[in-house]
Protein backbone atom coordinates (compact mmCIF):
# COMPACT_ATOMS: atom_id res chain seq x y z
CA MET A 1 12.36 6.16 34.02
CA PRO A 2 9.83 7.12 32.00
CA ASP A 3 7.13 5.40 31.22
CA THR A 4 7.50 3.85 27.33
CA THR A 5 4.04 3.84 26.60
CA THR A 6 4.02 7.95 27.61
CA LEU A 7 7.83 8.72 25.36
CA ALA A 8 6.26 6.26 22.67
CA ALA A 9 3.51 8.50 22.20
CA ARG A 10 5.19 11.59 22.58
CA LEU A 11 7.53 10.37 20.05
CA LEU A 12 4.11 9.14 17.47
CA LYS A 13 3.20 12.67 17.91
CA GLU A 14 6.29 14.38 17.15
CA HIS A 15 6.74 12.37 14.03
CA ARG A 16 3.40 12.67 12.88
CA GLU A 17 4.14 16.79 13.31
CA SER A 18 6.95 16.24 11.56
CA ILE A 19 4.89 14.85 8.20
CA ASP A 20 2.08 17.17 8.76
CA ARG A 21 4.52 20.22 8.10
CA LEU A 22 6.69 18.35 5.32
CA ASP A 23 3.11 17.64 3.73
CA ALA A 24 2.29 21.16 3.94
CA ILE A 25 5.23 22.07 1.94
CA LEU A 26 4.54 19.45 -1.07
CA VAL A 27 1.45 20.93 -1.44
CA PHE A 28 2.98 24.51 -1.56
CA THR A 29 5.93 23.16 -3.48
CA LEU A 30 3.58 21.52 -6.13
CA ALA A 31 1.16 24.54 -6.27
CA GLU A 32 4.48 26.74 -7.05
CA ARG A 33 5.72 24.14 -9.57
CA PHE A 34 2.41 24.17 -11.63
CA LYS A 35 1.99 28.18 -11.70
CA HIS A 36 5.42 27.80 -13.58
CA THR A 37 4.32 24.83 -15.86
CA GLN A 38 1.09 26.84 -16.60
CA ALA A 39 2.78 29.35 -17.97
CA VAL A 40 5.24 27.34 -20.17
CA GLY A 41 2.05 26.03 -21.31
CA ARG A 42 0.56 29.28 -22.47
CA LEU A 43 3.95 30.33 -24.02
CA LYS A 44 3.55 26.98 -26.12
CA ALA A 45 -0.08 27.97 -27.13
CA GLU A 46 1.21 30.72 -27.75
CA HIS A 47 3.70 29.87 -30.16
CA ASP A 48 1.97 26.59 -31.80
CA LEU A 49 4.74 24.70 -29.88
CA PRO A 50 3.60 20.82 -28.89
CA PRO A 51 2.36 20.01 -25.26
CA SER A 52 4.76 17.73 -24.48
CA ASP A 53 8.70 17.41 -25.13
CA PRO A 54 10.19 14.03 -24.34
CA GLU A 55 13.73 14.87 -24.18
CA ARG A 56 13.26 17.32 -21.81
CA GLU A 57 10.88 15.00 -19.85
CA ALA A 58 13.67 12.02 -20.17
CA GLN A 59 16.23 14.23 -18.98
CA GLN A 60 14.21 15.49 -15.70
CA ILE A 61 13.07 11.72 -15.13
CA ALA A 62 16.92 11.00 -14.87
CA ARG A 63 17.87 13.73 -12.83
CA LEU A 64 14.81 13.09 -10.38
CA GLU A 65 16.51 9.31 -10.03
CA ASP A 66 19.55 10.73 -9.28
CA LEU A 67 18.20 13.10 -6.61
CA ALA A 68 16.50 10.63 -5.71
CA LYS A 69 19.09 8.09 -4.82
CA SER A 70 21.32 10.85 -3.35
CA ALA A 71 18.15 11.78 -0.76
CA ASP A 72 17.88 7.82 0.24
CA LEU A 73 14.71 7.65 -1.69
CA ASP A 74 13.62 4.74 -3.80
CA PRO A 75 14.21 6.01 -7.66
CA GLU A 76 11.13 4.07 -8.86
CA PHE A 77 9.27 5.85 -6.40
CA ALA A 78 10.39 9.00 -7.75
CA ARG A 79 10.23 8.17 -11.74
CA GLU A 80 6.54 7.66 -10.82
CA PHE A 81 5.65 10.40 -9.13
CA LEU A 82 6.92 12.71 -11.57
CA ASN A 83 5.61 10.69 -14.61
CA PHE A 84 2.28 11.41 -12.80
CA ILE A 85 3.44 15.33 -12.35
CA ILE A 86 4.80 15.23 -15.96
CA ALA A 87 1.03 13.94 -17.45
CA GLU A 88 -0.66 16.45 -15.38
CA VAL A 89 1.27 19.35 -16.87
CA ILE A 90 0.78 17.68 -20.05
CA ARG A 91 -3.33 17.69 -19.75
CA HIS A 92 -2.85 21.07 -18.49
CA HIS A 93 -0.74 22.26 -21.70
CA ARG A 94 -3.37 20.37 -24.25
CA LYS A 95 -6.22 22.53 -22.56
CA HIS A 96 -4.21 25.53 -23.29
CA GLN A 97 -3.96 24.16 -26.94
CA SER A 98 -7.87 24.29 -27.42
C-alpha cells in the first residue's frame, strides 16, 4: 500500500501543474480577447461611436451567466469577472477617442 503522504504530494503536484497550464490559457485567451476589443475601440473612435454599448454589455453578461451555470461555475463570479473586463475595455476605448 502506497504511503498516503507520498500519494497526496503527487496528487497535489498534478493539480498544481493543471492549474499552471490553465492560468497560461487564461492569460493568452484574455490577451487575444483584448486584441479584438482594442480593434473595436479603434473602429468606434474612427466612426465617432460611443465607447460603451450598454445593451451589448447586458447581453454578454446574461450569456456569460448562462455559460457559467452550464459549466458549474458561480454565475455571480462570472458576472463580476465580465464586469471587470468590460470596464477595462471601455477604459481602452476611451483612450482611443482622446
